[in-house]
Amino acid sequence: MRVTMIGAGYVGLVSGACFADFGHTVTCVDTHEGKIAALKRGEIPIFEPGLDDLVASNVKAERLFFTTSLAEGVADAEAVFIAVGTPSRRGDGHADLSYVHQAARDIASAMTGYTVIVTKSTVPVGTGDEVERIIRETRPDAEFSVVSNPEFLREGAAIIDFKRPDRIVVGTDEERAKEVMTNLYRPLFLNQSPLLFTSRRTAELIKYAANAFLATKITFINEISDLCEKVGGNVQDVARGIGLDNRIGSKFLHAGPGYGGSCFPKDTLALIKTAQDYDAPIRIVETVVSVNDQRKRAMARKVITALGGSVRGKTVGVLGLTFKPNTDDMRDAPSIAIITALQDAGATIRAHDPEGVEQAKMVLSNVDYVDSPYQAADGADALVIVTEWDAFRALDLKRIQSMMAQPVVVDLRNIYRPEEMASLGFRYSSVGRGLADL
């Protein structure tokens, strides 16, 4: 099939490369000339494991193309995906749909013949209706269907998530559009991935409901971790104990510094605003957002406490900047609030991240970025593990201890054992592992 992706960002590029790998002919369109020029040179603008090879192989096979010309990309396409950004709108928290609406206008002007227009971007309920209205207003005589097909890609595991999804959600009531979408995703049927057809509005809501539920799960275990610290419990054992219940499951039960990234923060906020607009407030999600925001700065206070109540004039080494490992994404990363709070309290920050430094420089200033975890620890009064990169899981702890000005480690991801750290002479603090940390 001939497929077009409007937007060559994270979702558009990964989805486009995977569709091409299935054998479809895919064109990725983006207005950013520098990005398209880089992609044509084989340079991938984001870090995602395996994506560079996937793009290169499909470009070589002449199944994947890049252009800044929307008219060129959309003409004769059977399915056109809208995969543009929907950031939180300044001032009110609603999703900014200006890029989606503009894409709809541009597609309407460029499409030829019957076209299925697929909203891949995460959008509030009713967006598909508005996209259809815009296209109908621009091209009254056009033959088209507007479909919702939300993405469920985890950064760092996006390719496997696309190729082996838990489910494929398609929102449409039109049989002709169902046939196109079924043919598009037919290669996944071999993996027995369920194709769930719903109404368009239901599909739009599914994405927000899924992300809000996962954000709630993370926030729940983080609050349980606070209780564990007060009563002497171990949050990791609690998580195992409840995660073995099939009704709950073990995923997203890892206590830490709070959620971040490109989806959970903006999607929970957009869902709250939509619910308020329809006079059906979601109080649980409202609380989740508030608790998560407070938690990030609370982690900075944890560091300050570990250093005796003050970090003024002290050096804090930070390991991990991105919101999760295996990505260079800094959007709403907990490290931003933690580092900013420590700087406000007078600390000097020295930081290392395997992939996120260039992105971090755009949002964090007055930070000494270094090339290794050992450089971050050298002369530091405290070392804080913020992101659980694999490279941080087996550090030479004796070397770290000998290099630090004070042997203080604050492990916000619980990747080390308190007993081991104590035996090596560290003053060690972690998350939700109770009185053993004291």
Protein backbone atom coordinates (compact mmCIF):
# COMPACT_ATOMS: atom_id res chain seq x y z
CA MET A 1 0.00 0.00 0.00
CA ARG A 2 1.01 3.63 -0.48
CA VAL A 3 1.23 5.28 2.94
CA THR A 4 2.14 8.82 3.97
CA MET A 5 3.19 10.07 7.39
CA ILE A 6 2.65 13.76 8.06
CA GLY A 7 5.30 14.47 10.66
CA ALA A 8 8.70 12.79 10.85
CA GLY A 9 9.06 13.07 14.60
CA TYR A 10 9.17 10.19 17.03
CA VAL A 11 5.79 8.63 16.20
CA GLY A 12 5.82 9.39 12.49
CA LEU A 13 9.36 8.18 11.86
CA VAL A 14 9.07 4.97 13.87
CA SER A 15 5.64 4.14 12.43
CA GLY A 16 6.73 4.99 8.90
CA ALA A 17 9.88 2.87 9.10
CA CYS A 18 7.93 -0.09 10.53
CA PHE A 19 5.21 0.12 7.89
CA ALA A 20 7.93 0.21 5.22
CA ASP A 21 9.51 -2.85 6.81
CA PHE A 22 6.16 -4.63 6.35
CA GLY A 23 6.48 -3.98 2.61
CA HIS A 24 4.38 -0.85 2.22
CA THR A 25 5.70 2.17 0.31
CA VAL A 26 5.96 4.99 2.83
CA THR A 27 6.68 8.68 2.46
CA CYS A 28 7.44 10.75 5.59
CA VAL A 29 6.63 14.44 5.21
CA ASP A 30 7.94 17.17 7.49
CA THR A 31 8.15 20.94 7.11
CA HIS A 32 11.50 21.03 8.92
CA GLU A 33 13.95 21.16 6.03
CA GLY A 34 16.97 20.39 8.19
CA LYS A 35 15.36 17.25 9.58
CA ILE A 36 14.41 15.94 6.14
CA ALA A 37 17.88 16.73 4.76
CA ALA A 38 19.43 14.83 7.67
CA LEU A 39 17.15 11.84 7.16
CA LYS A 40 18.06 11.72 3.49
CA ARG A 41 21.72 11.60 4.56
CA GLY A 42 20.90 8.69 6.86
CA GLU A 43 21.10 10.74 10.08
CA ILE A 44 18.39 9.92 12.62
CA PRO A 45 17.28 12.98 14.66
CA ILE A 46 16.21 10.95 17.72
CA PHE A 47 17.77 8.13 19.69
CA GLU A 48 15.74 4.93 19.51
CA PRO A 49 17.47 1.54 19.60
CA GLY A 50 17.47 -0.13 16.17
CA LEU A 51 15.81 2.75 14.34
CA ASP A 52 18.88 3.79 12.37
CA ASP A 53 19.29 0.32 10.86
CA LEU A 54 15.56 0.00 10.17
CA VAL A 55 15.47 3.32 8.34
CA ALA A 56 18.63 2.60 6.38
CA SER A 57 17.49 -0.82 5.18
CA ASN A 58 14.11 0.43 3.98
CA VAL A 59 15.56 3.50 2.28
CA LYS A 60 17.96 1.17 0.47
CA ALA A 61 15.04 -1.07 -0.52
CA GLU A 62 13.24 2.02 -1.89
CA ARG A 63 10.26 1.56 0.39
CA LEU A 64 10.89 4.60 2.62
CA PHE A 65 11.15 8.17 1.36
CA PHE A 66 11.43 11.64 2.90
CA THR A 67 10.21 14.98 1.59
CA THR A 68 9.19 18.47 2.66
CA SER A 69 6.50 18.55 -0.04
CA LEU A 70 3.16 17.53 1.41
CA ALA A 71 1.53 17.65 -2.01
CA GLU A 72 4.12 15.18 -3.32
CA GLY A 73 3.71 12.89 -0.34
CA VAL A 74 -0.08 12.86 -0.19
CA ALA A 75 -0.91 12.56 -3.88
CA ASP A 76 -2.08 9.01 -4.67
CA ALA A 77 -1.61 7.82 -1.06
CA GLU A 78 -4.19 5.30 0.12
CA ALA A 79 -3.67 6.11 3.79
CA VAL A 80 -2.37 9.40 5.19
CA PHE A 81 -1.38 9.49 8.85
CA ILE A 82 -1.38 12.69 10.87
CA ALA A 83 1.53 12.28 13.30
CA VAL A 84 2.24 15.86 14.32
CA GLY A 85 2.78 17.26 17.81
CA THR A 86 -0.09 17.99 20.19
CA PRO A 87 1.71 19.79 23.05
CA SER A 88 -0.09 21.21 26.04
CA ARG A 89 -1.47 24.63 25.23
CA ARG A 90 -0.01 27.40 27.30
CA GLY A 91 -2.34 28.82 29.86
CA ASP A 92 -5.05 26.19 30.10
CA GLY A 93 -3.46 22.75 29.62
CA HIS A 94 -5.65 21.72 26.68
CA ALA A 95 -3.94 19.89 23.82
CA ASP A 96 -2.79 22.32 21.14
CA LEU A 97 -4.41 21.02 17.95
CA SER A 98 -3.20 23.73 15.60
CA TYR A 99 -0.74 21.39 13.85
CA VAL A 100 -3.43 18.73 13.43
CA HIS A 101 -5.89 21.20 11.95
CA GLN A 102 -3.29 22.61 9.57
CA ALA A 103 -2.36 19.10 8.46
CA ALA A 104 -6.03 18.42 7.72
CA ARG A 105 -6.26 21.51 5.52
CA ASP A 106 -3.08 20.62 3.67
CA ILE A 107 -4.14 17.01 3.14
CA ALA A 108 -7.52 18.12 1.81
CA SER A 109 -5.82 20.24 -0.83
CA ALA A 110 -3.38 17.53 -1.91
CA MET A 111 -5.23 14.20 -1.83
CA THR A 112 -6.44 12.49 -4.98
CA GLY A 113 -9.08 9.78 -5.02
CA TYR A 114 -10.46 7.98 -1.99
CA THR A 115 -8.11 8.48 0.98
CA VAL A 116 -8.19 7.23 4.52
CA ILE A 117 -6.93 9.99 6.81
CA VAL A 118 -5.65 8.50 10.04
CA THR A 119 -5.09 10.46 13.23
CA LYS A 120 -2.02 8.91 14.87
CA SER A 121 -1.31 11.89 17.10
CA THR A 122 -2.77 11.75 20.59
CA VAL A 123 -5.83 13.99 20.40
CA PRO A 124 -8.85 14.76 22.61
CA VAL A 125 -12.26 13.25 22.03
CA GLY A 126 -13.98 14.89 19.06
CA THR A 127 -10.83 15.80 17.14
CA GLY A 128 -11.67 13.36 14.35
CA ASP A 129 -15.01 15.10 13.92
CA GLU A 130 -13.24 18.44 13.54
CA VAL A 131 -10.68 17.02 11.09
CA GLU A 132 -13.55 15.64 9.00
CA ARG A 133 -15.33 19.02 9.10
CA ILE A 134 -12.17 20.87 8.00
CA ILE A 135 -11.57 18.52 5.08
CA ARG A 136 -15.20 18.53 4.04
CA GLU A 137 -15.23 22.33 4.13
CA THR A 138 -12.01 22.52 2.08
CA ARG A 139 -12.94 19.77 -0.41
CA PRO A 140 -16.72 19.23 -0.47
CA ASP A 141 -16.43 16.74 -3.34
CA ALA A 142 -13.60 14.63 -1.87
CA GLU A 143 -13.91 10.92 -1.12
CA PHE A 144 -12.30 10.19 2.24
CA SER A 145 -12.69 8.68 5.68
CA VAL A 146 -11.23 9.98 8.93
CA VAL A 147 -10.00 7.25 11.28
CA SER A 148 -8.50 7.30 14.76
CA ASN A 149 -5.55 4.94 15.26
CA PRO A 150 -3.76 5.86 18.49
CA GLU A 151 -0.18 4.79 19.05
CA PHE A 152 1.05 2.91 22.12
CA LEU A 153 4.81 3.11 21.62
CA ARG A 154 7.22 3.14 24.55
CA GLU A 155 10.33 5.17 23.95
CA GLY A 156 13.30 2.82 24.01
CA ALA A 157 11.16 -0.11 22.86
CA ALA A 158 9.15 1.50 20.07
CA ILE A 159 10.03 -0.87 17.24
CA ILE A 160 9.11 -4.02 19.14
CA ASP A 161 5.97 -2.28 20.41
CA PHE A 162 4.92 -1.46 16.85
CA LYS A 163 5.69 -4.90 15.47
CA ARG A 164 4.34 -6.90 18.41
CA PRO A 165 1.59 -4.75 19.91
CA ASP A 166 -0.79 -5.76 22.65
CA ARG A 167 -3.59 -4.44 20.46
CA ILE A 168 -4.28 -2.24 17.44
CA VAL A 169 -7.10 0.21 18.06
CA VAL A 170 -8.94 1.58 15.00
CA GLY A 171 -11.77 4.04 15.40
CA THR A 172 -14.17 4.05 12.45
CA ASP A 173 -17.68 2.91 11.57
CA GLU A 174 -17.05 2.92 7.82
CA GLU A 175 -16.59 -0.45 6.12
CA ARG A 176 -14.39 0.93 3.36
CA ALA A 177 -12.00 2.44 5.91
CA LYS A 178 -12.01 -0.80 7.94
CA GLU A 179 -10.88 -2.69 4.85
CA VAL A 180 -7.99 -0.29 4.23
CA MET A 181 -6.84 -0.42 7.85
CA THR A 182 -7.13 -4.22 7.95
CA ASN A 183 -4.93 -4.51 4.85
CA LEU A 184 -2.46 -2.03 6.28
CA TYR A 185 -1.99 -4.01 9.49
CA ARG A 186 -2.37 -7.47 7.97
CA PRO A 187 1.32 -8.38 8.54
CA LEU A 188 0.70 -8.15 12.28
CA PHE A 189 -2.01 -10.80 12.18
CA LEU A 190 0.79 -13.40 12.03
CA ASN A 191 1.68 -12.30 15.57
CA GLN A 192 -1.99 -12.64 16.55
CA SER A 193 -2.20 -8.98 17.54
CA PRO A 194 -5.88 -8.18 18.14
CA LEU A 195 -7.37 -5.55 15.85
CA LEU A 196 -10.00 -3.70 17.88
CA PHE A 197 -12.53 -1.67 15.89
CA THR A 198 -14.44 0.95 17.84
CA SER A 199 -16.17 4.23 17.17
CA ARG A 200 -13.83 7.10 16.41
CA ARG A 201 -14.52 8.93 19.67
CA THR A 202 -14.00 5.75 21.68
CA ALA A 203 -10.61 5.19 20.06
CA GLU A 204 -9.57 8.74 20.89
CA LEU A 205 -10.52 8.19 24.51
CA ILE A 206 -8.77 4.81 24.79
CA LYS A 207 -5.32 6.39 24.39
CA TYR A 208 -5.92 8.98 27.09
CA ALA A 209 -7.51 6.45 29.43
CA ALA A 210 -4.58 4.04 29.02
CA ASN A 211 -1.95 6.67 29.74
CA ALA A 212 -3.88 8.11 32.66
CA PHE A 213 -4.26 4.64 34.19
CA LEU A 214 -0.52 3.92 33.87
CA ALA A 215 0.34 7.33 35.33
CA THR A 216 -2.00 6.53 38.23
CA LYS A 217 -0.28 3.19 38.78
CA ILE A 218 3.14 4.85 38.94
CA THR A 219 1.92 7.54 41.31
CA PHE A 220 0.20 4.97 43.53
CA ILE A 221 3.39 2.96 44.08
CA ASN A 222 5.35 6.17 44.66
CA GLU A 223 2.98 7.13 47.46
CA ILE A 224 3.21 3.61 48.89
CA SER A 225 7.00 4.05 48.84
CA ASP A 226 6.66 7.15 51.03
CA LEU A 227 4.64 5.11 53.52
CA CYS A 228 7.24 2.33 53.42
CA GLU A 229 9.92 4.79 54.42
CA LYS A 230 7.89 5.88 57.43
CA VAL A 231 6.94 2.43 58.70
CA GLY A 232 10.00 0.38 57.74
CA GLY A 233 8.53 -1.48 54.78
CA ASN A 234 10.17 -2.33 51.47
CA VAL A 235 8.34 -0.97 48.43
CA GLN A 236 9.99 -3.44 46.08
CA ASP A 237 8.55 -6.35 48.05
CA VAL A 238 5.18 -4.60 48.20
CA ALA A 239 5.27 -4.16 44.43
CA ARG A 240 6.11 -7.82 43.92
CA GLY A 241 3.40 -8.88 46.32
CA ILE A 242 0.64 -6.94 44.60
CA GLY A 243 2.05 -7.35 41.09
CA LEU A 244 1.71 -11.13 41.29
CA ASP A 245 -2.03 -10.58 41.44
CA ASN A 246 -3.14 -10.97 37.80
CA ARG A 247 -5.76 -8.30 38.30
CA ILE A 248 -2.99 -5.78 39.01
CA GLY A 249 0.11 -6.97 37.14
CA SER A 250 3.75 -6.12 37.77
CA LYS A 251 4.35 -3.43 35.15
CA PHE A 252 4.58 0.25 36.15
CA LEU A 253 5.04 -0.63 39.81
CA HIS A 254 8.60 0.63 40.17
CA ALA A 255 8.91 3.42 42.70
CA GLY A 256 11.00 6.37 41.60
CA PRO A 257 11.16 10.14 41.20
CA GLY A 258 7.88 10.46 39.28
CA TYR A 259 6.81 10.06 35.67
CA GLY A 260 7.83 12.31 32.80
CA GLY A 261 8.25 12.09 29.05
CA SER A 262 6.32 13.11 25.99
CA CYS A 263 3.00 11.39 26.84
CA PHE A 264 1.97 11.01 30.46
CA PRO A 265 2.32 14.65 31.59
CA LYS A 266 0.50 16.23 28.66
CA ASP A 267 -2.05 13.44 28.19
CA THR A 268 -3.18 13.39 31.82
CA LEU A 269 -3.55 17.16 31.72
CA ALA A 270 -5.49 17.08 28.43
CA LEU A 271 -7.80 14.37 29.78
CA ILE A 272 -8.49 16.46 32.88
CA LYS A 273 -9.38 19.48 30.75
CA THR A 274 -11.63 17.46 28.45
CA ALA A 275 -13.42 15.91 31.42
CA GLN A 276 -13.95 19.35 32.95
CA ASP A 277 -15.32 20.69 29.67
CA TYR A 278 -17.91 17.90 29.61
CA ASP A 279 -18.74 18.36 33.30
CA ALA A 280 -17.41 14.89 34.14
CA PRO A 281 -14.31 15.68 36.23
CA ILE A 282 -11.80 12.88 36.82
CA ARG A 283 -10.70 13.58 40.37
CA ILE A 284 -8.31 10.64 40.55
CA VAL A 285 -6.28 11.87 37.58
CA GLU A 286 -6.33 15.44 38.90
CA THR A 287 -4.74 14.17 42.10
CA VAL A 288 -2.23 12.05 40.18
CA VAL A 289 -0.96 15.10 38.29
CA SER A 290 -0.65 17.14 41.49
CA VAL A 291 1.15 14.40 43.42
CA ASN A 292 3.56 13.69 40.56
CA ASP A 293 4.50 17.36 40.20
CA GLN A 294 5.21 17.64 43.92
CA ARG A 295 7.21 14.43 43.99
CA LYS A 296 9.96 15.63 41.67
CA ARG A 297 10.97 18.50 43.91
CA ALA A 298 10.55 16.23 46.94
CA MET A 299 13.36 14.10 45.50
CA ALA A 300 15.62 17.15 45.63
CA ARG A 301 14.76 17.55 49.30
CA LYS A 302 15.75 13.90 49.76
CA VAL A 303 19.21 14.76 48.45
CA ILE A 304 19.43 17.82 50.69
CA THR A 305 18.49 15.70 53.71
CA ALA A 306 21.13 13.11 52.83
CA LEU A 307 23.74 15.89 52.96
CA GLY A 308 22.71 17.02 56.41
CA GLY A 309 20.13 19.61 55.48
CA SER A 310 22.11 21.85 53.15
CA VAL A 311 23.72 21.59 49.71
CA ARG A 312 24.94 25.18 49.54
CA GLY A 313 28.48 25.22 48.20
CA LYS A 314 28.45 21.47 47.62
CA THR A 315 28.82 19.48 44.41
CA VAL A 316 26.14 16.97 43.45
CA GLY A 317 26.83 14.41 40.74
CA VAL A 318 23.77 13.36 38.76
CA LEU A 319 23.60 10.09 36.84
CA GLY A 320 20.84 10.10 34.23
CA LEU A 321 18.99 13.06 32.76
CA THR A 322 16.42 11.63 30.34
CA PHE A 323 12.98 10.71 31.66
CA LYS A 324 13.76 7.01 31.12
CA PRO A 325 16.64 4.92 29.73
CA ASN A 326 17.18 4.13 26.04
CA THR A 327 15.99 7.51 24.82
CA ASP A 328 17.38 11.03 24.51
CA ASP A 329 14.01 12.56 25.43
CA MET A 330 14.13 15.24 28.12
CA ARG A 331 10.48 16.27 27.99
CA ASP A 332 9.19 16.68 31.55
CA ALA A 333 12.07 14.55 32.83
CA PRO A 334 12.23 14.39 36.65
CA SER A 335 15.87 15.45 36.43
CA ILE A 336 14.80 18.95 35.37
CA ALA A 337 12.86 19.69 38.56
CA ILE A 338 15.41 17.89 40.76
CA ILE A 339 18.43 19.72 39.35
CA THR A 340 16.67 23.08 39.33
CA ALA A 341 15.67 22.67 42.99
CA LEU A 342 19.21 21.67 43.97
CA GLN A 343 20.62 24.66 42.11
CA ASP A 344 18.10 26.90 43.85
CA ALA A 345 19.41 25.51 47.15
CA GLY A 346 22.98 26.44 46.22
CA ALA A 347 24.41 23.20 44.81
CA THR A 348 26.81 22.86 41.90
CA ILE A 349 25.66 20.16 39.49
CA ARG A 350 27.87 17.79 37.54
CA ALA A 351 25.86 15.42 35.32
CA HIS A 352 26.24 12.47 32.96
CA ASP A 353 23.78 10.76 30.64
CA PRO A 354 24.64 8.22 27.91
CA GLU A 355 22.39 9.86 25.28
CA GLY A 356 20.57 12.88 26.66
CA VAL A 357 23.22 15.56 27.15
CA GLU A 358 22.53 17.55 23.99
CA GLN A 359 18.82 17.65 24.73
CA ALA A 360 19.50 18.45 28.38
CA LYS A 361 21.57 21.48 27.42
CA MET A 362 18.45 23.00 25.87
CA VAL A 363 16.52 22.94 29.16
CA LEU A 364 19.15 22.97 31.93
CA SER A 365 21.80 25.67 32.34
CA ASN A 366 24.83 26.03 34.61
CA VAL A 367 25.39 22.28 34.63
CA ASP A 368 28.83 20.71 34.15
CA TYR A 369 28.14 17.89 31.68
CA VAL A 370 30.73 15.11 31.81
CA ASP A 371 31.47 12.01 29.76
CA SER A 372 31.30 9.25 32.36
CA PRO A 373 29.69 8.38 35.69
CA TYR A 374 33.13 8.42 37.29
CA GLN A 375 33.71 12.01 36.23
CA ALA A 376 30.33 12.87 37.75
CA ALA A 377 31.40 11.25 41.05
CA ASP A 378 34.91 12.76 41.17
CA GLY A 379 35.01 15.16 44.11
CA ALA A 380 31.22 15.14 44.53
CA ASP A 381 29.61 15.46 47.93
CA ALA A 382 26.70 13.31 46.77
CA LEU A 383 25.89 11.13 43.78
CA VAL A 384 22.24 10.93 42.69
CA ILE A 385 20.94 8.18 40.37
CA VAL A 386 17.96 9.68 38.53
CA THR A 387 17.62 7.47 35.43
CA GLU A 388 18.18 3.69 35.50
CA TRP A 389 20.44 3.30 32.47
CA ASP A 390 22.00 -0.18 32.28
CA ALA A 391 25.43 1.48 32.29
CA PHE A 392 24.80 2.56 35.90
CA ARG A 393 23.82 -0.86 37.25
CA ALA A 394 27.30 -2.33 37.68
CA LEU A 395 29.54 0.60 38.51
CA ASP A 396 32.90 0.07 40.24
CA LEU A 397 31.55 1.13 43.61
CA LYS A 398 34.90 0.99 45.39
CA ARG A 399 36.31 3.36 42.79
CA ILE A 400 33.29 5.63 43.14
CA GLN A 401 33.67 5.69 46.93
CA SER A 402 37.36 6.58 46.73
CA MET A 403 36.72 9.46 44.32
CA MET A 404 33.94 11.24 46.19
CA ALA A 405 34.43 14.07 48.68
CA GLN A 406 31.67 12.47 50.77
CA PRO A 407 30.43 8.89 50.23
CA VAL A 408 26.75 9.87 49.87
CA VAL A 409 24.61 8.11 47.25
CA VAL A 410 20.93 8.85 46.70
CA ASP A 411 19.50 6.11 44.51
CA LEU A 412 16.12 7.25 43.19
CA ARG A 413 15.72 4.06 41.12
CA ASN A 414 16.65 1.44 43.74
CA ILE A 415 19.20 -0.26 41.52
CA TYR A 416 21.63 -1.06 44.37
CA ARG A 417 21.20 -3.02 47.60
CA PRO A 418 21.34 -1.02 50.84
CA GLU A 419 23.39 -3.70 52.62
CA GLU A 420 26.04 -3.74 49.88
CA MET A 421 26.29 0.04 49.83
CA ALA A 422 26.62 0.20 53.62
CA SER A 423 29.34 -2.46 53.62
CA LEU A 424 31.34 -0.31 51.18
CA GLY A 425 31.12 2.70 53.46
CA PHE A 426 28.43 4.67 51.64
CA ARG A 427 25.75 6.72 53.32
CA TYR A 428 23.06 5.36 51.07
CA SER A 429 19.47 6.47 50.58
CA SER A 430 16.93 4.94 48.21
CA VAL A 431 13.19 5.11 47.60
CA GLY A 432 10.65 3.29 49.75
CA ARG A 433 13.00 0.85 51.42
CA GLY A 434 12.24 1.98 54.90
CA LEU A 435 14.36 2.03 58.00
CA ALA A 436 17.22 0.14 56.33
CA ASP A 437 18.09 3.43 54.63
CA LEU A 438 18.59 5.29 57.92
